[in-house]
Amino acid sequence: MFTGLIEEIGRLRHTGRQGEAMLLTIDAATVLTDVKIGDSIAVNGVCLTVVSFDRNSFTVDVTPQTYRHSNLKAMRSGQPINLERAMLAGGRFGGHIVQGHVDTTGVITERKQEANAVIYRIAPAQKACMRYVVPQGSITLDGISLTVADSGEDDLTVSIIPHTLMQTALQYKENGDTVNIETDVLGKYMDHLLHFGSRSAAGSENAEQNGRQPARGGLSAAFLADNGFL
């Protein structure tokens, strides 16, 4: 698990490709101080496993699934990358719950200055993810924990303070560039619980009436009331 607080900006040294499989070697410093084989590092918000490392870099595998759902496939040597190690159990939780599981990519359609902040407007490739985007809620862009300033059916905006901009690779991105998007995991789990499966007619109805258990079709009002939620 991660918090979305970027520890350093790394640089892509080398990319090895075989179809949709990739091997990335990334120059870094901070995230290497206590690194071990098998450790998780968020690379532009994507949770990847360290398979080898030396004093100045580490290497990670990218599977076809990750290749298809992230912007890692478009990265070139020398490109800046946001890096964050997995959260320590005793550490401060300064951002929000970030899994490093990218939902979709998004395109920056607008970047503008507003007083001391920079406003980014993002259009997700998969519009369905907008159901989990809540104004003043949390979102992760390229691994950065951010607050949603506004959202509509097709896009969202975030307001970036100077410190966040200067400490992350977002400072180098302009209109037309892509970012990895991870929406708030709490919303995704709630949506899944409410809409999982479909009711199996009599069986589900009887279970609700007799055992007061949630049906496969979702949580029922009776179940929520019986368990003190209503």
Protein backbone atom coordinates (compact mmCIF):
# COMPACT_ATOMS: atom_id res chain seq x y z
CA MET A 1 0.00 0.00 0.00
CA PHE A 2 1.11 3.57 -0.72
CA THR A 3 0.07 7.04 0.37
CA GLY A 4 0.52 9.03 -2.83
CA LEU A 5 3.33 11.18 -1.37
CA ILE A 6 6.14 11.08 -3.94
CA GLU A 7 9.58 10.45 -2.44
CA GLU A 8 11.68 11.36 -5.45
CA ILE A 9 11.73 11.87 -9.20
CA GLY A 10 13.62 9.05 -10.88
CA ARG A 11 14.74 8.79 -14.49
CA LEU A 12 14.10 5.94 -16.89
CA ARG A 13 17.47 4.51 -17.90
CA HIS A 14 16.46 1.61 -20.13
CA THR A 15 13.39 -0.17 -21.48
CA GLY A 16 13.38 -3.78 -22.63
CA ARG A 17 10.34 -4.91 -24.59
CA GLN A 18 8.96 -8.23 -25.76
CA GLY A 19 5.50 -7.68 -27.12
CA GLU A 20 3.43 -6.21 -24.28
CA ALA A 21 5.94 -7.30 -21.63
CA MET A 22 8.52 -4.78 -20.45
CA LEU A 23 11.57 -4.56 -18.23
CA LEU A 24 12.25 -1.06 -16.88
CA THR A 25 15.53 0.08 -15.34
CA ILE A 26 15.15 3.32 -13.40
CA ASP A 27 17.83 5.59 -11.95
CA ALA A 28 17.02 6.57 -8.36
CA ALA A 29 18.57 7.37 -4.98
CA THR A 30 16.12 7.74 -2.07
CA VAL A 31 14.06 4.61 -2.80
CA LEU A 32 17.27 2.56 -2.98
CA THR A 33 18.41 3.29 0.59
CA ASP A 34 16.79 0.14 2.02
CA VAL A 35 15.67 -1.69 -1.12
CA LYS A 36 15.46 -5.49 -1.30
CA ILE A 37 14.55 -7.92 -4.06
CA GLY A 38 10.77 -8.33 -4.03
CA ASP A 39 10.05 -4.87 -2.63
CA SER A 40 7.16 -2.87 -4.05
CA ILE A 41 7.80 0.57 -5.54
CA ALA A 42 5.13 2.74 -7.12
CA VAL A 43 6.39 3.87 -10.54
CA ASN A 44 4.18 6.70 -11.80
CA GLY A 45 1.52 5.27 -9.53
CA VAL A 46 1.91 1.66 -10.70
CA CYS A 47 2.85 -0.87 -8.02
CA LEU A 48 5.82 -2.84 -9.41
CA THR A 49 8.18 -5.40 -7.89
CA VAL A 50 11.94 -4.90 -7.73
CA VAL A 51 13.65 -7.81 -9.51
CA SER A 52 17.21 -6.46 -9.37
CA PHE A 53 19.08 -3.34 -8.28
CA ASP A 54 22.51 -1.75 -7.92
CA ARG A 55 23.79 1.39 -6.19
CA ASN A 56 22.15 3.75 -8.67
CA SER A 57 19.15 1.99 -10.18
CA PHE A 58 16.54 -0.74 -9.88
CA THR A 59 14.74 -2.93 -12.40
CA VAL A 60 11.07 -3.97 -12.50
CA ASP A 61 8.91 -6.18 -14.70
CA VAL A 62 5.80 -4.81 -16.42
CA THR A 63 3.18 -7.41 -17.35
CA PRO A 64 0.86 -7.13 -20.38
CA GLN A 65 -2.04 -6.23 -18.05
CA THR A 66 -0.10 -3.28 -16.64
CA TYR A 67 1.19 -2.38 -20.09
CA ARG A 68 -2.34 -2.04 -21.43
CA HIS A 69 -3.77 -0.07 -18.48
CA SER A 70 -1.01 2.46 -17.80
CA ASN A 71 1.15 5.05 -19.53
CA LEU A 72 4.37 3.08 -18.89
CA LYS A 73 4.28 1.78 -22.47
CA ALA A 74 4.84 5.31 -23.79
CA MET A 75 7.87 6.11 -21.61
CA ARG A 76 11.25 6.84 -23.16
CA SER A 77 14.80 6.83 -21.81
CA GLY A 78 15.59 9.90 -19.71
CA GLN A 79 11.95 10.58 -18.87
CA PRO A 80 11.21 11.66 -15.25
CA ILE A 81 9.20 9.22 -13.13
CA ASN A 82 7.41 9.60 -9.78
CA LEU A 83 8.66 7.06 -7.22
CA GLU A 84 7.32 5.99 -3.83
CA ARG A 85 8.21 3.00 -1.66
CA ALA A 86 5.47 0.95 -0.03
CA MET A 87 4.26 2.48 3.24
CA LEU A 88 5.82 1.36 6.52
CA ALA A 89 3.30 0.21 9.13
CA GLY A 90 4.60 2.75 11.63
CA GLY A 91 4.80 5.67 9.20
CA ARG A 92 2.63 8.77 8.96
CA PHE A 93 -0.35 8.49 6.66
CA GLY A 94 -0.03 11.82 4.89
CA GLY A 95 -1.95 11.10 1.68
CA HIS A 96 -4.73 8.57 1.16
CA ILE A 97 -5.01 4.82 0.56
CA VAL A 98 -3.23 4.14 -2.74
CA GLN A 99 -2.93 0.59 -4.03
CA GLY A 100 -0.84 1.24 -7.11
CA HIS A 101 -3.52 -0.45 -9.23
CA VAL A 102 -4.19 1.92 -12.12
CA ASP A 103 -7.80 2.11 -13.32
CA THR A 104 -7.16 3.93 -16.59
CA THR A 105 -5.07 6.63 -18.18
CA GLY A 106 -6.16 10.21 -18.74
CA VAL A 107 -5.17 13.01 -21.09
CA ILE A 108 -4.33 16.49 -19.85
CA THR A 109 -6.69 18.76 -21.79
CA GLU A 110 -5.92 22.01 -19.96
CA ARG A 111 -3.17 23.40 -17.76
CA LYS A 112 -3.54 26.92 -16.40
CA GLN A 113 -2.21 29.08 -13.61
CA GLU A 114 -4.58 30.23 -10.86
CA ALA A 115 -2.81 32.47 -8.33
CA ASN A 116 -0.21 30.21 -6.68
CA ALA A 117 -1.76 26.98 -8.00
CA VAL A 118 -1.73 25.18 -11.32
CA ILE A 119 -5.04 23.70 -12.49
CA TYR A 120 -4.99 20.50 -14.53
CA ARG A 121 -8.05 19.24 -16.38
CA ILE A 122 -7.95 15.48 -17.05
CA ALA A 123 -10.12 13.47 -19.45
CA PRO A 124 -10.04 9.73 -18.54
CA ALA A 125 -9.78 7.18 -21.34
CA GLN A 126 -12.47 5.12 -19.61
CA LYS A 127 -15.32 7.42 -18.67
CA ALA A 128 -16.86 4.77 -16.39
CA CYS A 129 -14.26 5.59 -13.74
CA MET A 130 -15.88 9.02 -13.26
CA ARG A 131 -18.52 7.36 -11.05
CA TYR A 132 -15.82 7.08 -8.38
CA VAL A 133 -14.59 10.68 -8.71
CA VAL A 134 -16.07 12.93 -6.02
CA PRO A 135 -15.43 16.69 -5.71
CA GLN A 136 -13.14 17.27 -2.70
CA GLY A 137 -12.49 13.53 -2.69
CA SER A 138 -9.16 11.81 -3.25
CA ILE A 139 -7.63 10.72 -6.54
CA THR A 140 -4.19 9.54 -7.63
CA LEU A 141 -2.55 10.93 -10.78
CA ASP A 142 0.80 9.37 -11.74
CA GLY A 143 1.08 8.19 -8.14
CA ILE A 144 0.38 11.61 -6.59
CA SER A 145 -2.31 11.85 -3.92
CA LEU A 146 -4.49 14.81 -4.94
CA THR A 147 -7.85 16.35 -4.09
CA VAL A 148 -10.48 16.58 -6.81
CA ALA A 149 -11.38 20.24 -7.35
CA ASP A 150 -14.32 19.54 -9.66
CA SER A 151 -15.71 16.71 -11.76
CA GLY A 152 -18.29 16.18 -14.48
CA GLU A 153 -19.37 13.30 -16.69
CA ASP A 154 -16.28 13.39 -18.90
CA ASP A 155 -13.43 15.01 -16.98
CA LEU A 156 -12.08 16.25 -13.67
CA THR A 157 -9.82 19.01 -12.40
CA VAL A 158 -7.18 19.11 -9.69
CA SER A 159 -5.43 22.11 -8.16
CA ILE A 160 -1.68 21.64 -7.59
CA ILE A 161 0.24 23.67 -5.01
CA PRO A 162 3.79 24.82 -5.88
CA HIS A 163 5.46 22.31 -3.52
CA THR A 164 3.69 19.30 -5.07
CA LEU A 165 4.47 20.51 -8.58
CA MET A 166 8.18 20.97 -7.90
CA GLN A 167 8.54 17.62 -6.07
CA THR A 168 6.88 15.51 -8.79
CA ALA A 169 7.24 14.78 -12.49
CA LEU A 170 3.88 16.46 -13.08
CA GLN A 171 5.81 19.72 -13.50
CA TYR A 172 7.03 18.47 -16.89
CA LYS A 173 3.60 17.55 -18.26
CA GLU A 174 1.58 19.72 -20.62
CA ASN A 175 -1.62 19.51 -22.67
CA GLY A 176 -1.85 16.22 -24.54
CA ASP A 177 0.33 14.26 -22.11
CA THR A 178 -1.09 11.24 -20.30
CA VAL A 179 -1.31 10.40 -16.60
CA ASN A 180 -2.16 7.20 -14.75
CA ILE A 181 -5.42 7.43 -12.81
CA GLU A 182 -6.32 5.47 -9.69
CA THR A 183 -9.64 6.39 -8.14
CA ASP A 184 -10.40 6.06 -4.43
CA VAL A 185 -10.46 2.37 -3.50
CA LEU A 186 -13.20 2.92 -0.88
CA GLY A 187 -15.65 3.96 -3.58
CA LYS A 188 -14.78 0.97 -5.76
CA TYR A 189 -15.33 -1.52 -2.96
CA MET A 190 -18.64 0.07 -1.99
CA ASP A 191 -19.82 0.02 -5.59
CA HIS A 192 -18.84 -3.63 -5.93
CA LEU A 193 -20.69 -4.61 -2.75
CA LEU A 194 -23.82 -2.78 -3.81
CA HIS A 195 -23.95 -4.18 -7.34
CA PHE A 196 -22.22 -7.56 -7.20
CA GLY A 197 -23.93 -10.39 -9.08
CA SER A 198 -27.66 -10.60 -9.58
CA ARG A 199 -30.52 -11.74 -7.38
CA SER A 200 -31.43 -15.39 -7.68
CA ALA A 201 -35.19 -14.94 -7.34
CA ALA A 202 -36.69 -16.93 -4.49
CA GLY A 203 -33.43 -18.03 -2.88
CA SER A 204 -32.13 -14.52 -2.35
CA GLU A 205 -35.49 -13.18 -1.25
CA ASN A 206 -35.94 -15.94 1.32
CA ALA A 207 -32.43 -15.39 2.64
CA GLU A 208 -33.17 -11.71 3.14
CA GLN A 209 -36.50 -12.37 4.85
CA ASN A 210 -35.29 -15.16 7.10
CA GLY A 211 -31.59 -14.70 7.70
CA ARG A 212 -31.45 -10.98 7.01
CA GLN A 213 -28.31 -11.48 4.92
CA PRO A 214 -27.44 -9.33 1.89
CA ALA A 215 -28.45 -10.86 -1.43
CA ARG A 216 -25.90 -11.37 -4.21
CA GLY A 217 -27.57 -8.52 -6.04
CA GLY A 218 -26.35 -6.03 -3.43
CA LEU A 219 -26.93 -4.77 0.09
CA SER A 220 -30.58 -4.53 1.08
CA ALA A 221 -32.27 -1.82 3.13
CA ALA A 222 -33.34 -4.48 5.65
CA PHE A 223 -29.77 -5.69 6.13
CA LEU A 224 -28.47 -2.14 6.65
CA ALA A 225 -31.25 -1.38 9.14
CA ASP A 226 -30.68 -4.58 11.12
CA ASN A 227 -26.98 -3.82 11.41
CA GLY A 228 -27.37 -0.23 12.61
CA PHE A 229 -26.56 1.61 9.38
CA LEU A 230 -30.06 3.06 8.94
